[in-house]
């Protein structure tokens, strides 16, 4: 059974940066075959896709013009990352990672990012 654990969320000031991590356990050597995605969910809103990382490391962003998000993966470490720079109050949300392999999906519990002055 694959388990995903996110970390790195925090309370930060506007303009700050965070690096979120998502570690997969129970995946053995399969991590490199997973499509990894980062989502976020704001209170009372639907979950929205932030970025998707292909097995080859190609990243697609929900808003390619945004420029403040950088998603990446480190397959030997079974870890995906989401760097967020110049954080805005509107970025406050629970950030979750998702792994997909041949139609099977796994989700983490999420990590809270709160941006407030």
Protein backbone atom coordinates (compact mmCIF):
# COMPACT_ATOMS: atom_id res chain seq x y z
CA UNK A 1 0.00 0.00 0.00
CA UNK A 2 1.41 3.35 -1.04
CA UNK A 3 1.40 6.09 1.56
CA UNK A 4 2.07 9.74 0.81
CA UNK A 5 3.12 12.16 3.51
CA UNK A 6 3.32 15.87 2.87
CA UNK A 7 5.31 18.30 4.96
CA UNK A 8 6.67 21.82 4.85
CA UNK A 9 3.49 23.80 5.35
CA UNK A 10 3.69 26.72 7.72
CA UNK A 11 2.37 30.13 8.69
CA UNK A 12 4.28 32.68 6.65
CA UNK A 13 4.17 36.36 5.85
CA UNK A 14 3.12 37.55 2.42
CA UNK A 15 6.14 37.53 0.15
CA UNK A 16 7.70 34.55 1.88
CA UNK A 17 8.60 31.18 0.40
CA UNK A 18 7.96 27.58 1.27
CA UNK A 19 9.16 24.26 -0.03
CA UNK A 20 6.64 21.49 0.36
CA UNK A 21 7.66 17.84 0.25
CA UNK A 22 5.73 14.67 -0.47
CA UNK A 23 7.40 11.41 0.47
CA UNK A 24 6.05 8.11 -0.81
CA UNK A 25 6.49 4.93 1.19
CA UNK A 26 5.47 1.43 0.27
CA UNK A 27 6.14 2.17 -3.37
CA UNK A 28 9.34 0.19 -3.65
CA UNK A 29 10.99 1.00 -6.96
CA UNK A 30 7.71 2.08 -8.54
CA UNK A 31 7.89 5.73 -7.55
CA UNK A 32 9.61 6.65 -10.79
CA UNK A 33 6.58 5.30 -12.66
CA UNK A 34 4.08 7.51 -10.83
CA UNK A 35 2.65 10.68 -12.23
CA UNK A 36 2.89 13.05 -9.28
CA UNK A 37 0.52 15.95 -8.79
CA UNK A 38 0.15 18.78 -6.34
CA UNK A 39 -3.32 20.03 -5.48
CA UNK A 40 -4.58 22.60 -3.06
CA UNK A 41 -7.88 23.02 -1.34
CA UNK A 42 -9.09 26.26 0.13
CA UNK A 43 -11.84 26.32 2.78
CA UNK A 44 -15.23 25.79 1.19
CA UNK A 45 -13.72 25.37 -2.28
CA UNK A 46 -13.08 22.44 -4.56
CA UNK A 47 -9.66 20.88 -4.77
CA UNK A 48 -7.65 22.44 -7.60
CA UNK A 49 -4.64 21.17 -9.47
CA UNK A 50 -1.48 23.19 -8.99
CA UNK A 51 1.08 21.17 -10.92
CA UNK A 52 1.58 17.78 -12.52
CA UNK A 53 4.97 16.06 -12.87
CA UNK A 54 5.32 13.35 -15.47
CA UNK A 55 7.46 10.27 -15.03
CA UNK A 56 10.11 11.96 -17.13
CA UNK A 57 10.08 15.05 -14.95
CA UNK A 58 8.09 17.30 -17.27
CA UNK A 59 5.99 19.72 -15.26
CA UNK A 60 2.68 21.22 -16.26
CA UNK A 61 1.25 24.02 -14.15
CA UNK A 62 -2.36 24.98 -13.64
CA UNK A 63 -1.36 28.52 -14.53
CA UNK A 64 1.79 28.46 -16.66
CA UNK A 65 2.02 32.25 -16.46
CA UNK A 66 2.04 32.24 -12.67
CA UNK A 67 5.76 31.68 -12.26
CA UNK A 68 5.73 31.43 -8.48
CA UNK A 69 5.39 27.66 -8.32
CA UNK A 70 8.13 25.16 -9.11
CA UNK A 71 7.34 21.46 -8.92
CA UNK A 72 9.98 18.76 -9.10
CA UNK A 73 10.67 15.17 -8.20
CA UNK A 74 13.59 13.18 -6.83
CA UNK A 75 12.93 9.58 -7.76
CA UNK A 76 15.79 7.99 -5.75
CA UNK A 77 14.34 9.71 -2.67
CA UNK A 78 10.71 8.82 -3.55
CA UNK A 79 9.92 12.48 -3.07
CA UNK A 80 8.09 15.23 -4.91
CA UNK A 81 8.51 18.91 -4.13
CA UNK A 82 6.59 22.11 -4.59
CA UNK A 83 8.46 25.37 -4.15
CA UNK A 84 6.24 28.41 -3.74
CA UNK A 85 7.80 31.86 -3.86
CA UNK A 86 6.37 35.29 -3.15
CA UNK A 87 3.47 33.76 -1.27
CA UNK A 88 0.16 35.60 -1.33
CA UNK A 89 -2.71 35.50 1.14
CA UNK A 90 -4.78 33.77 -1.53
CA UNK A 91 -2.30 30.87 -1.54
CA UNK A 92 -3.53 29.83 1.90
CA UNK A 93 -4.82 26.28 1.57
CA UNK A 94 -4.19 22.67 2.39
CA UNK A 95 -1.71 21.38 -0.17
CA UNK A 96 -2.00 17.72 -1.07
CA UNK A 97 0.02 15.42 -3.26
CA UNK A 98 -1.37 12.69 -5.45
CA UNK A 99 0.33 9.74 -7.11
CA UNK A 100 -1.14 7.95 -10.09
CA UNK A 101 -0.12 4.66 -11.65
CA UNK A 102 -2.21 2.96 -14.32
CA UNK A 103 -5.40 4.54 -13.11
CA UNK A 104 -4.77 3.92 -9.43
CA UNK A 105 -4.57 7.01 -7.29
CA UNK A 106 -3.15 7.65 -3.85
CA UNK A 107 -3.48 10.79 -1.76
CA UNK A 108 -1.67 12.26 1.17
CA UNK A 109 -3.35 13.97 4.10
CA UNK A 110 -2.08 17.39 3.11
CA UNK A 111 -0.01 20.12 4.69
CA UNK A 112 -1.44 23.48 5.73
CA UNK A 113 -0.07 26.66 4.23
CA UNK A 114 -1.28 29.87 5.81
CA UNK A 115 -0.16 33.22 4.49
CA UNK A 116 -1.00 36.10 6.75
CA UNK A 117 0.46 39.32 8.04
